Amino acid sequence: MSAQISANELKQIMPLLARHEGVWEGHYRFYDVHGNKIDEHESRLVCRFPETGHPYHQTNYYRWADGKRDTRDFPAMVENGRLKWDNEFINGWACDVALDDFNRTTMLNWTRTGEPDLYLYEMIQLSDDGQSRARVWQWFKADRLFQRTLVDERFVTKDWQSYEGETF
């Protein structure tokens, strides 16, 4: 698949991903390999299928209890039937899991830009009613698990356009 496909074509290729369109708010928790919590923060993710530009574009807003904030932007192309990222933060892919008979699972894999021996697998489970999702990240460095991330999110609205340029 070419990066030149439209958002509507992407929704046809990845119908489960299409159900993630909109605004999600949640809570990230990071644990070391022994299960000790090492970080946590709140989040707002804006998942869009814009009419122009990249067929998928996600912006993540993070907020910690101490006031720290961060924003990460992830425009994606489509390559070989899946999303593809190659930017200042990550290089990787995402796809619906065709073997999931219930059509709830999306899988991601990426490396951190500048850290080729660090890779991550993420599994996202979307509820049948589309109102919540749970995400699990498994982090590996030099092929050894060193960290896990758990994310619980609730759906806010499909109207991502009204959140454009808004801060969290």
Protein backbone atom coordinates (compact mmCIF):
# COMPACT_ATOMS: atom_id res chain seq x y z
CA MET A 1 0.00 0.00 0.00
CA SER A 2 1.17 3.47 -0.78
CA ALA A 3 1.38 6.37 1.65
CA GLN A 4 -0.89 8.22 -0.78
CA ILE A 5 -4.12 6.45 0.21
CA SER A 6 -6.95 8.46 1.72
CA ALA A 7 -8.22 8.30 5.28
CA ASN A 8 -11.39 6.59 4.04
CA GLU A 9 -9.32 3.92 2.27
CA LEU A 10 -7.32 3.38 5.46
CA LYS A 11 -10.55 2.90 7.41
CA GLN A 12 -11.51 0.14 4.95
CA ILE A 13 -8.11 -1.56 5.27
CA MET A 14 -8.09 -1.30 9.09
CA PRO A 15 -11.72 -1.18 10.29
CA LEU A 16 -10.80 -1.77 13.93
CA LEU A 17 -8.36 1.15 13.89
CA ALA A 18 -11.17 3.26 12.42
CA ARG A 19 -13.18 2.64 15.62
CA HIS A 20 -10.40 4.39 17.60
CA GLU A 21 -11.05 7.70 15.83
CA GLY A 22 -11.65 10.54 18.27
CA VAL A 23 -10.42 11.74 21.65
CA TRP A 24 -9.34 9.40 24.46
CA GLU A 25 -8.38 10.29 28.02
CA GLY A 26 -6.57 7.94 30.34
CA HIS A 27 -3.91 7.01 32.82
CA TYR A 28 -0.43 5.59 32.03
CA ARG A 29 1.48 3.53 34.61
CA PHE A 30 5.06 2.36 34.05
CA TYR A 31 6.57 -0.62 35.92
CA ASP A 32 10.04 -2.09 36.04
CA VAL A 33 10.58 -5.79 35.33
CA HIS A 34 9.96 -6.58 39.03
CA GLY A 35 6.55 -4.88 39.09
CA ASN A 36 7.63 -1.70 40.88
CA LYS A 37 5.84 1.44 39.65
CA ILE A 38 8.42 3.86 38.23
CA ASP A 39 6.17 6.54 36.69
CA GLU A 40 2.58 7.50 35.97
CA HIS A 41 0.74 10.31 34.24
CA GLU A 42 -2.58 11.35 32.72
CA SER A 43 -3.13 11.50 28.98
CA ARG A 44 -5.31 12.79 26.19
CA LEU A 45 -4.86 11.20 22.76
CA VAL A 46 -6.37 12.74 19.64
CA CYS A 47 -6.70 10.06 16.94
CA ARG A 48 -7.62 11.49 13.54
CA PHE A 49 -8.23 10.43 9.98
CA PRO A 50 -7.73 13.79 8.25
CA GLU A 51 -9.06 14.59 4.79
CA THR A 52 -5.62 15.82 3.68
CA GLY A 53 -2.04 14.90 4.50
CA HIS A 54 -1.31 11.65 6.30
CA PRO A 55 -4.28 9.24 6.39
CA TYR A 56 -3.78 8.81 10.17
CA HIS A 57 -2.44 11.34 12.64
CA GLN A 58 -2.27 10.95 16.42
CA THR A 59 -1.26 13.57 18.97
CA ASN A 60 -0.56 12.51 22.56
CA TYR A 61 -0.77 15.01 25.40
CA TYR A 62 0.70 13.96 28.75
CA ARG A 63 0.33 15.59 32.17
CA TRP A 64 2.09 14.57 35.40
CA ALA A 65 0.93 15.36 38.96
CA ASP A 66 3.96 17.64 39.48
CA GLY A 67 2.85 19.89 36.59
CA LYS A 68 5.20 18.51 33.91
CA ARG A 69 3.62 18.30 30.45
CA ASP A 70 4.67 16.77 27.16
CA THR A 71 3.16 16.52 23.68
CA ARG A 72 4.07 13.94 21.04
CA ASP A 73 2.88 14.04 17.46
CA PHE A 74 2.62 10.87 15.35
CA PRO A 75 1.54 11.28 11.72
CA ALA A 76 1.49 7.90 9.96
CA MET A 77 1.73 6.57 6.43
CA VAL A 78 0.36 3.28 5.17
CA GLU A 79 2.75 0.60 3.93
CA ASN A 80 2.03 -3.07 3.23
CA GLY A 81 -1.49 -2.81 4.67
CA ARG A 82 -0.50 -1.34 8.03
CA LEU A 83 0.32 2.00 9.61
CA LYS A 84 3.97 3.00 9.44
CA TRP A 85 5.80 5.57 11.56
CA ASP A 86 9.26 6.93 10.91
CA ASN A 87 9.76 10.18 12.79
CA GLU A 88 11.83 11.90 15.47
CA PHE A 89 10.40 9.61 18.21
CA ILE A 90 9.71 6.17 16.73
CA ASN A 91 10.09 3.87 13.76
CA GLY A 92 7.46 1.16 13.64
CA TRP A 93 4.09 -0.16 12.57
CA ALA A 94 0.53 -0.92 13.72
CA CYS A 95 -2.14 -3.25 12.38
CA ASP A 96 -5.44 -4.83 13.27
CA VAL A 97 -4.96 -8.43 14.41
CA ALA A 98 -6.82 -10.46 11.79
CA LEU A 99 -6.73 -13.62 13.93
CA ASP A 100 -8.82 -11.95 16.67
CA ASP A 101 -12.29 -13.38 15.99
CA PHE A 102 -13.82 -10.62 18.13
CA ASN A 103 -12.13 -7.72 16.27
CA ARG A 104 -10.86 -6.06 19.46
CA THR A 105 -7.06 -6.20 19.09
CA THR A 106 -4.57 -3.84 17.48
CA MET A 107 -0.85 -4.65 17.65
CA LEU A 108 2.07 -2.21 17.41
CA ASN A 109 5.85 -2.59 17.27
CA TRP A 110 8.42 0.16 17.26
CA THR A 111 11.95 1.15 18.10
CA ARG A 112 12.92 4.46 19.63
CA THR A 113 14.68 6.74 17.18
CA GLY A 114 18.39 6.71 18.04
CA GLU A 115 18.04 3.59 20.24
CA PRO A 116 17.94 0.64 17.81
CA ASP A 117 18.47 -1.94 20.58
CA LEU A 118 15.30 -0.72 22.38
CA TYR A 119 12.05 -2.05 20.99
CA LEU A 120 8.52 -2.26 22.20
CA TYR A 121 5.39 -4.28 21.49
CA GLU A 122 2.00 -2.82 22.32
CA MET A 123 -1.36 -4.55 22.34
CA ILE A 124 -4.54 -2.44 22.40
CA GLN A 125 -7.89 -3.99 23.34
CA LEU A 126 -10.98 -1.96 22.38
CA SER A 127 -14.23 -2.69 24.21
CA ASP A 128 -17.15 -3.89 22.12
CA ASP A 129 -19.10 -0.70 22.88
CA GLY A 130 -16.07 1.44 21.85
CA GLN A 131 -16.15 3.39 25.12
CA SER A 132 -12.96 2.08 26.70
CA ARG A 133 -9.66 0.54 25.77
CA ALA A 134 -6.75 -1.05 27.58
CA ARG A 135 -3.18 -1.02 26.36
CA VAL A 136 -0.14 -3.06 27.41
CA TRP A 137 3.39 -2.18 26.33
CA GLN A 138 6.31 -4.55 26.76
CA TRP A 139 9.70 -2.82 26.53
CA PHE A 140 12.88 -4.69 25.53
CA LYS A 141 16.48 -3.50 25.51
CA ALA A 142 19.15 -5.77 24.03
CA ASP A 143 16.41 -8.42 23.74
CA ARG A 144 15.63 -8.38 27.48
CA LEU A 145 12.35 -7.27 28.99
CA PHE A 146 13.03 -4.30 31.26
CA GLN A 147 9.73 -2.45 31.61
CA ARG A 148 5.95 -2.63 31.11
CA THR A 149 3.39 0.09 30.63
CA LEU A 150 -0.33 -0.23 31.37
CA VAL A 151 -2.77 2.31 29.95
CA ASP A 152 -6.49 2.54 30.72
CA GLU A 153 -8.51 4.95 28.58
CA ARG A 154 -12.05 6.12 28.15
CA PHE A 155 -13.59 7.49 24.99
CA VAL A 156 -14.44 11.21 25.14
CA THR A 157 -15.79 12.09 21.68
CA LYS A 158 -15.50 11.23 18.01
CA ASP A 159 -15.31 14.99 17.28
CA TRP A 160 -11.51 15.31 17.27
CA GLN A 161 -11.74 18.50 15.20
CA SER A 162 -13.04 20.44 18.22
CA TYR A 163 -9.85 19.49 20.13
CA GLU A 164 -7.41 20.74 17.49
CA GLY A 165 -4.93 23.16 19.03
CA GLU A 166 -6.39 22.75 22.52
CA THR A 167 -4.04 22.14 25.43
CA PHE A 168 -4.49 19.43 28.04
